[in-house]
Amino acid sequence: MILEVAMLQVKAGQEAAFEAAFAEAQAIISGMAGYVSHQLQRCLEVRGRYVLLVNWQTLEDHTVGFRSSAEYQGWKRLLHHFYEPLPTVEHFELVAGQTGGTA
């Protein structure tokens, strides 16, 4: 499994509108092939900062399947105008021997 980590900075004063748009957009991503789960978390220290965590079965499920899909265009239309700057997106894999549970 691959973890996509997207650091999102939402334009000042647009947080509530972003969260409402994300509530709609999450239906898009959760219906994609290879999607496993996601979380959107709001930063406590920096207003307008969020982290989006998406688990995918493979890297290509995100980078090829989702990003080259018609559904991605709807995702972008709903969300991308909220960001300043555009998000930083990185992918991670679990280190061998780790379970992902609590310590």
Protein backbone atom coordinates (compact mmCIF):
# COMPACT_ATOMS: atom_id res chain seq x y z
CA MET A 1 0.00 0.00 0.00
CA ILE A 2 1.13 3.55 -0.80
CA LEU A 3 0.39 6.64 1.28
CA GLU A 4 -0.10 9.89 -0.62
CA VAL A 5 0.62 12.94 1.56
CA ALA A 6 -0.57 16.28 0.21
CA MET A 7 0.20 19.47 2.12
CA LEU A 8 -2.55 21.96 1.36
CA GLN A 9 -2.53 25.69 2.06
CA VAL A 10 -5.99 27.17 1.58
CA LYS A 11 -6.39 30.87 0.82
CA ALA A 12 -7.23 32.98 3.88
CA GLY A 13 -10.92 33.15 4.61
CA GLN A 14 -11.74 30.24 2.27
CA GLU A 15 -11.47 27.43 4.83
CA ALA A 16 -15.20 26.79 5.30
CA ALA A 17 -15.85 26.84 1.54
CA PHE A 18 -12.91 24.48 0.99
CA GLU A 19 -14.17 22.02 3.60
CA ALA A 20 -17.64 22.07 2.01
CA ALA A 21 -16.15 21.48 -1.45
CA PHE A 22 -13.97 18.68 -0.08
CA ALA A 23 -17.05 16.99 1.38
CA GLU A 24 -18.34 16.77 -2.19
CA ALA A 25 -14.97 15.93 -3.79
CA GLN A 26 -14.21 13.02 -1.48
CA ALA A 27 -16.91 11.00 -3.26
CA ILE A 28 -14.83 11.31 -6.43
CA ILE A 29 -11.60 9.97 -4.99
CA SER A 30 -13.22 7.23 -2.95
CA GLY A 31 -14.75 5.77 -6.11
CA MET A 32 -11.44 5.41 -7.95
CA ALA A 33 -9.78 2.09 -8.73
CA GLY A 34 -7.03 1.35 -6.22
CA TYR A 35 -8.38 3.74 -3.59
CA VAL A 36 -8.19 2.36 -0.03
CA SER A 37 -8.96 5.22 2.40
CA HIS A 38 -8.35 8.90 3.11
CA GLN A 39 -8.23 11.52 5.86
CA LEU A 40 -8.30 15.29 5.67
CA GLN A 41 -6.83 16.93 8.76
CA ARG A 42 -6.76 20.61 9.71
CA CYS A 43 -3.61 22.08 11.26
CA LEU A 44 -4.04 23.50 14.76
CA GLU A 45 -1.10 25.91 14.56
CA VAL A 46 -1.43 27.40 11.06
CA ARG A 47 -4.79 28.66 9.84
CA GLY A 48 -5.68 27.34 6.41
CA ARG A 49 -3.16 24.48 6.44
CA TYR A 50 -4.42 20.95 5.90
CA VAL A 51 -2.89 17.58 5.21
CA LEU A 52 -4.63 15.08 2.96
CA LEU A 53 -3.64 11.44 3.51
CA VAL A 54 -4.78 8.95 0.89
CA ASN A 55 -3.98 5.26 0.90
CA TRP A 56 -3.72 3.67 -2.55
CA GLN A 57 -3.08 0.06 -3.49
CA THR A 58 -0.24 1.12 -5.84
CA LEU A 59 1.59 4.31 -6.76
CA GLU A 60 0.20 4.06 -10.29
CA ASP A 61 -3.37 3.97 -8.98
CA HIS A 62 -2.80 7.59 -7.97
CA THR A 63 -0.24 8.93 -10.44
CA VAL A 64 -1.71 7.31 -13.56
CA GLY A 65 -5.19 6.00 -12.82
CA PHE A 66 -6.54 8.94 -10.84
CA ARG A 67 -4.55 11.81 -12.30
CA SER A 68 -5.28 10.84 -15.91
CA SER A 69 -8.99 10.23 -15.32
CA ALA A 70 -11.98 12.37 -16.21
CA GLU A 71 -12.88 12.25 -12.51
CA TYR A 72 -9.65 14.08 -11.68
CA GLN A 73 -10.83 17.02 -13.76
CA GLY A 74 -13.89 17.27 -11.51
CA TRP A 75 -11.63 17.02 -8.43
CA LYS A 76 -9.48 19.86 -9.73
CA ARG A 77 -12.53 21.98 -10.60
CA LEU A 78 -13.89 21.61 -7.06
CA LEU A 79 -10.66 22.11 -5.10
CA HIS A 80 -7.65 23.55 -6.89
CA HIS A 81 -8.80 27.18 -6.88
CA PHE A 82 -8.61 27.17 -3.05
CA TYR A 83 -4.85 26.54 -2.90
CA GLU A 84 -2.11 29.14 -2.58
CA PRO A 85 0.45 27.81 -3.41
CA LEU A 86 -0.39 24.56 -5.20
CA PRO A 87 -0.02 21.52 -2.93
CA THR A 88 3.13 19.54 -2.35
CA VAL A 89 2.37 15.85 -2.93
CA GLU A 90 4.67 12.98 -1.95
CA HIS A 91 4.22 9.23 -1.72
CA PHE A 92 5.38 6.93 1.08
CA GLU A 93 5.54 3.21 1.72
CA LEU A 94 5.54 1.39 5.04
CA VAL A 95 8.97 0.38 6.31
CA ALA A 96 9.39 -3.41 6.42
CA GLY A 97 8.38 -4.91 9.76
CA GLN A 98 6.05 -2.05 10.72
CA THR A 99 2.35 -2.66 11.20
CA GLY A 100 0.96 0.87 11.09
CA GLY A 101 -0.60 0.40 14.56
CA THR A 102 0.04 2.40 17.71
CA ALA A 103 3.23 1.96 19.72
